[in-house]
Amino acid sequence: MQEMIASIVHELVSKPDAVKISQVAGDADLVVYSISVDPSDMGRLIGKGGATAHALRTLVRAMARTRNQRVYIEVASSDGRKEVI
């Protein structure tokens, strides 16, 4: 799942080299991924009105359902701002 998230996020941002994705928590039922992007790419990842983040969340949750898991995605920029999508 982490690879799928990475491939989507790399296509959305203007600085794909700054993207870091890691699994920060997880057990059999719940997995939390942290996505770190350049501060200038935060808006691209969240999207207008959160539309891009909502689409990403929908894709990831659909994939997680096939594995009987719940997934949360935390987006952080290098300046310390965080969003949970």
N, C-alpha and C. Protein backbone atom coordinates (compact mmCIF):
# COMPACT_ATOMS: atom_id res chain seq x y z
N MET A 1 0.82 -1.18 0.00
CA MET A 1 0.00 0.00 0.00
C MET A 1 0.87 1.26 0.00
N GLN A 2 1.98 1.20 0.71
CA GLN A 2 2.89 2.35 0.78
C GLN A 2 3.41 2.72 -0.60
N GLU A 3 3.67 1.72 -1.44
CA GLU A 3 4.15 1.99 -2.79
C GLU A 3 3.09 2.69 -3.63
N MET A 4 1.82 2.29 -3.46
CA MET A 4 0.74 2.92 -4.19
C MET A 4 0.59 4.38 -3.79
N ILE A 5 0.65 4.65 -2.50
CA ILE A 5 0.56 6.02 -2.00
C ILE A 5 1.72 6.84 -2.56
N ALA A 6 2.91 6.27 -2.55
CA ALA A 6 4.09 6.98 -3.05
C ALA A 6 3.94 7.33 -4.53
N SER A 7 3.46 6.40 -5.32
CA SER A 7 3.34 6.67 -6.76
C SER A 7 2.32 7.77 -7.04
N ILE A 8 1.24 7.81 -6.29
CA ILE A 8 0.24 8.86 -6.47
C ILE A 8 0.79 10.20 -6.03
N VAL A 9 1.39 10.25 -4.86
CA VAL A 9 1.90 11.52 -4.32
C VAL A 9 3.01 12.08 -5.19
N HIS A 10 3.89 11.24 -5.69
CA HIS A 10 4.98 11.72 -6.55
C HIS A 10 4.44 12.41 -7.80
N GLU A 11 3.32 11.96 -8.32
CA GLU A 11 2.73 12.58 -9.51
C GLU A 11 2.03 13.91 -9.18
N LEU A 12 1.64 14.11 -7.95
CA LEU A 12 0.91 15.31 -7.57
C LEU A 12 1.81 16.51 -7.27
N VAL A 13 2.97 16.25 -6.73
CA VAL A 13 3.82 17.34 -6.23
C VAL A 13 4.83 17.81 -7.27
N SER A 14 5.34 19.02 -7.07
CA SER A 14 6.34 19.55 -8.00
C SER A 14 7.76 19.17 -7.60
N LYS A 15 7.95 18.77 -6.35
CA LYS A 15 9.27 18.35 -5.86
C LYS A 15 9.19 16.92 -5.31
N PRO A 16 9.13 15.93 -6.20
CA PRO A 16 8.97 14.54 -5.74
C PRO A 16 10.14 14.02 -4.92
N ASP A 17 11.32 14.62 -5.08
CA ASP A 17 12.47 14.17 -4.29
C ASP A 17 12.32 14.48 -2.81
N ALA A 18 11.46 15.44 -2.47
CA ALA A 18 11.26 15.83 -1.08
C ALA A 18 10.19 14.98 -0.38
N VAL A 19 9.54 14.09 -1.12
CA VAL A 19 8.47 13.27 -0.54
C VAL A 19 9.06 12.12 0.25
N LYS A 20 8.54 11.97 1.48
CA LYS A 20 8.94 10.84 2.32
C LYS A 20 7.66 10.23 2.89
N ILE A 21 7.54 8.93 2.74
CA ILE A 21 6.35 8.23 3.24
C ILE A 21 6.82 7.13 4.17
N SER A 22 6.23 7.10 5.37
CA SER A 22 6.61 6.06 6.32
C SER A 22 5.38 5.59 7.09
N GLN A 23 5.44 4.37 7.54
CA GLN A 23 4.38 3.83 8.37
C GLN A 23 4.77 4.15 9.81
N VAL A 24 3.98 5.01 10.46
CA VAL A 24 4.34 5.47 11.79
C VAL A 24 3.67 4.66 12.89
N ALA A 25 2.59 3.99 12.58
CA ALA A 25 1.91 3.16 13.57
C ALA A 25 1.16 2.10 12.81
N GLY A 26 0.85 1.06 13.50
CA GLY A 26 0.06 0.04 12.83
C GLY A 26 -0.06 -1.23 13.63
N ASP A 27 -1.16 -1.89 13.43
CA ASP A 27 -1.37 -3.21 13.98
C ASP A 27 -2.21 -3.97 12.96
N ALA A 28 -2.87 -5.00 13.38
CA ALA A 28 -3.63 -5.81 12.44
C ALA A 28 -4.81 -5.05 11.84
N ASP A 29 -5.38 -4.10 12.60
CA ASP A 29 -6.58 -3.42 12.14
C ASP A 29 -6.35 -1.99 11.67
N LEU A 30 -5.35 -1.30 12.19
CA LEU A 30 -5.16 0.12 11.90
C LEU A 30 -3.72 0.39 11.46
N VAL A 31 -3.59 1.10 10.34
CA VAL A 31 -2.28 1.48 9.83
C VAL A 31 -2.28 2.99 9.64
N VAL A 32 -1.22 3.67 10.11
CA VAL A 32 -1.09 5.11 9.94
C VAL A 32 0.17 5.38 9.13
N TYR A 33 -0.02 6.10 8.02
CA TYR A 33 1.10 6.50 7.17
C TYR A 33 1.34 7.99 7.32
N SER A 34 2.59 8.37 7.36
CA SER A 34 2.97 9.77 7.42
C SER A 34 3.61 10.15 6.09
N ILE A 35 3.07 11.21 5.48
CA ILE A 35 3.61 11.71 4.22
C ILE A 35 4.21 13.07 4.49
N SER A 36 5.48 13.22 4.19
CA SER A 36 6.17 14.49 4.36
C SER A 36 6.46 15.07 2.98
N VAL A 37 6.05 16.34 2.78
CA VAL A 37 6.27 17.00 1.49
C VAL A 37 6.90 18.36 1.71
N ASP A 38 7.44 18.93 0.66
CA ASP A 38 7.97 20.29 0.70
C ASP A 38 6.81 21.23 1.03
N PRO A 39 7.05 22.28 1.83
CA PRO A 39 5.95 23.20 2.18
C PRO A 39 5.24 23.80 0.97
N SER A 40 5.95 23.99 -0.12
CA SER A 40 5.31 24.56 -1.31
C SER A 40 4.37 23.56 -1.99
N ASP A 41 4.47 22.28 -1.66
CA ASP A 41 3.62 21.26 -2.26
C ASP A 41 2.42 20.88 -1.40
N MET A 42 2.31 21.45 -0.22
CA MET A 42 1.20 21.12 0.67
C MET A 42 -0.14 21.38 0.00
N GLY A 43 -0.27 22.53 -0.66
CA GLY A 43 -1.51 22.87 -1.33
C GLY A 43 -1.84 21.92 -2.47
N ARG A 44 -0.84 21.46 -3.18
CA ARG A 44 -1.06 20.51 -4.27
C ARG A 44 -1.58 19.19 -3.73
N LEU A 45 -1.07 18.77 -2.60
CA LEU A 45 -1.47 17.49 -2.02
C LEU A 45 -2.86 17.58 -1.39
N ILE A 46 -3.17 18.68 -0.74
CA ILE A 46 -4.47 18.84 -0.12
C ILE A 46 -5.53 19.15 -1.17
N GLY A 47 -5.20 20.04 -2.11
CA GLY A 47 -6.13 20.38 -3.19
C GLY A 47 -7.14 21.43 -2.77
N LYS A 48 -7.82 21.98 -3.75
CA LYS A 48 -8.82 23.02 -3.50
C LYS A 48 -9.99 22.42 -2.72
N GLY A 49 -10.23 22.98 -1.57
CA GLY A 49 -11.31 22.48 -0.73
C GLY A 49 -11.07 21.07 -0.21
N GLY A 50 -9.83 20.61 -0.27
CA GLY A 50 -9.49 19.27 0.21
C GLY A 50 -9.85 18.15 -0.76
N ALA A 51 -10.16 18.52 -2.01
CA ALA A 51 -10.62 17.52 -2.98
C ALA A 51 -9.57 16.46 -3.28
N THR A 52 -8.33 16.86 -3.44
CA THR A 52 -7.27 15.90 -3.75
C THR A 52 -7.03 14.97 -2.57
N ALA A 53 -6.99 15.53 -1.37
CA ALA A 53 -6.80 14.72 -0.17
C ALA A 53 -7.96 13.73 0.00
N HIS A 54 -9.17 14.18 -0.28
CA HIS A 54 -10.34 13.31 -0.16
C HIS A 54 -10.24 12.15 -1.16
N ALA A 55 -9.82 12.44 -2.39
CA ALA A 55 -9.68 11.39 -3.40
C ALA A 55 -8.60 10.38 -2.99
N LEU A 56 -7.48 10.88 -2.48
CA LEU A 56 -6.41 9.99 -2.02
C LEU A 56 -6.91 9.11 -0.88
N ARG A 57 -7.61 9.73 0.07
CA ARG A 57 -8.15 8.98 1.21
C ARG A 57 -9.13 7.90 0.74
N THR A 58 -9.96 8.22 -0.24
CA THR A 58 -10.93 7.26 -0.76
C THR A 58 -10.23 6.06 -1.40
N LEU A 59 -9.21 6.32 -2.21
CA LEU A 59 -8.46 5.23 -2.84
C LEU A 59 -7.78 4.34 -1.81
N VAL A 60 -7.14 4.96 -0.84
CA VAL A 60 -6.40 4.20 0.17
C VAL A 60 -7.35 3.39 1.05
N ARG A 61 -8.47 3.97 1.43
CA ARG A 61 -9.43 3.24 2.25
C ARG A 61 -10.06 2.08 1.49
N ALA A 62 -10.31 2.26 0.20
CA ALA A 62 -10.86 1.16 -0.60
C ALA A 62 -9.87 0.00 -0.67
N MET A 63 -8.61 0.33 -0.84
CA MET A 63 -7.58 -0.72 -0.87
C MET A 63 -7.45 -1.39 0.50
N ALA A 64 -7.56 -0.60 1.56
CA ALA A 64 -7.44 -1.14 2.91
C ALA A 64 -8.59 -2.08 3.23
N ARG A 65 -9.79 -1.77 2.73
CA ARG A 65 -10.94 -2.63 2.99
C ARG A 65 -10.73 -4.04 2.47
N THR A 66 -10.03 -4.17 1.35
CA THR A 66 -9.77 -5.51 0.81
C THR A 66 -8.87 -6.31 1.74
N ARG A 67 -8.15 -5.61 2.62
CA ARG A 67 -7.25 -6.27 3.59
C ARG A 67 -7.82 -6.25 5.00
N ASN A 68 -9.07 -5.82 5.14
CA ASN A 68 -9.74 -5.71 6.45
C ASN A 68 -8.94 -4.83 7.41
N GLN A 69 -8.49 -3.68 6.92
CA GLN A 69 -7.73 -2.73 7.72
C GLN A 69 -8.39 -1.36 7.68
N ARG A 70 -8.01 -0.52 8.62
CA ARG A 70 -8.34 0.91 8.60
C ARG A 70 -7.03 1.65 8.39
N VAL A 71 -7.07 2.70 7.59
CA VAL A 71 -5.86 3.45 7.27
C VAL A 71 -6.10 4.94 7.50
N TYR A 72 -5.15 5.57 8.14
CA TYR A 72 -5.14 7.02 8.29
C TYR A 72 -3.87 7.54 7.63
N ILE A 73 -3.98 8.72 7.04
CA ILE A 73 -2.83 9.35 6.41
C ILE A 73 -2.60 10.70 7.07
N GLU A 74 -1.38 10.90 7.53
CA GLU A 74 -0.97 12.17 8.13
C GLU A 74 -0.02 12.84 7.15
N VAL A 75 -0.32 14.09 6.81
CA VAL A 75 0.53 14.83 5.88
C VAL A 75 1.26 15.90 6.66
N ALA A 76 2.58 15.94 6.53
CA ALA A 76 3.40 16.91 7.25
C ALA A 76 4.33 17.60 6.28
N SER A 77 4.50 18.91 6.46
CA SER A 77 5.49 19.63 5.66
C SER A 77 6.75 19.78 6.51
N SER A 78 7.84 20.13 5.87
CA SER A 78 9.11 20.24 6.59
C SER A 78 9.13 21.41 7.56
N ASP A 79 8.15 22.32 7.47
CA ASP A 79 8.10 23.43 8.42
C ASP A 79 7.28 23.10 9.66
N GLY A 80 6.85 21.83 9.78
CA GLY A 80 6.17 21.39 11.00
C GLY A 80 4.67 21.34 10.92
N ARG A 81 4.05 21.87 9.88
CA ARG A 81 2.59 21.80 9.77
C ARG A 81 2.15 20.37 9.50
N LYS A 82 1.02 19.96 10.09
CA LYS A 82 0.49 18.61 9.88
C LYS A 82 -0.99 18.69 9.59
N GLU A 83 -1.44 17.78 8.75
CA GLU A 83 -2.85 17.61 8.42
C GLU A 83 -3.12 16.11 8.43
N VAL A 84 -4.25 15.71 8.97
CA VAL A 84 -4.66 14.32 8.91
C VAL A 84 -5.76 14.24 7.87
N ILE A 85 -5.55 13.39 6.86
CA ILE A 85 -6.56 13.27 5.82
C ILE A 85 -7.17 11.88 5.84
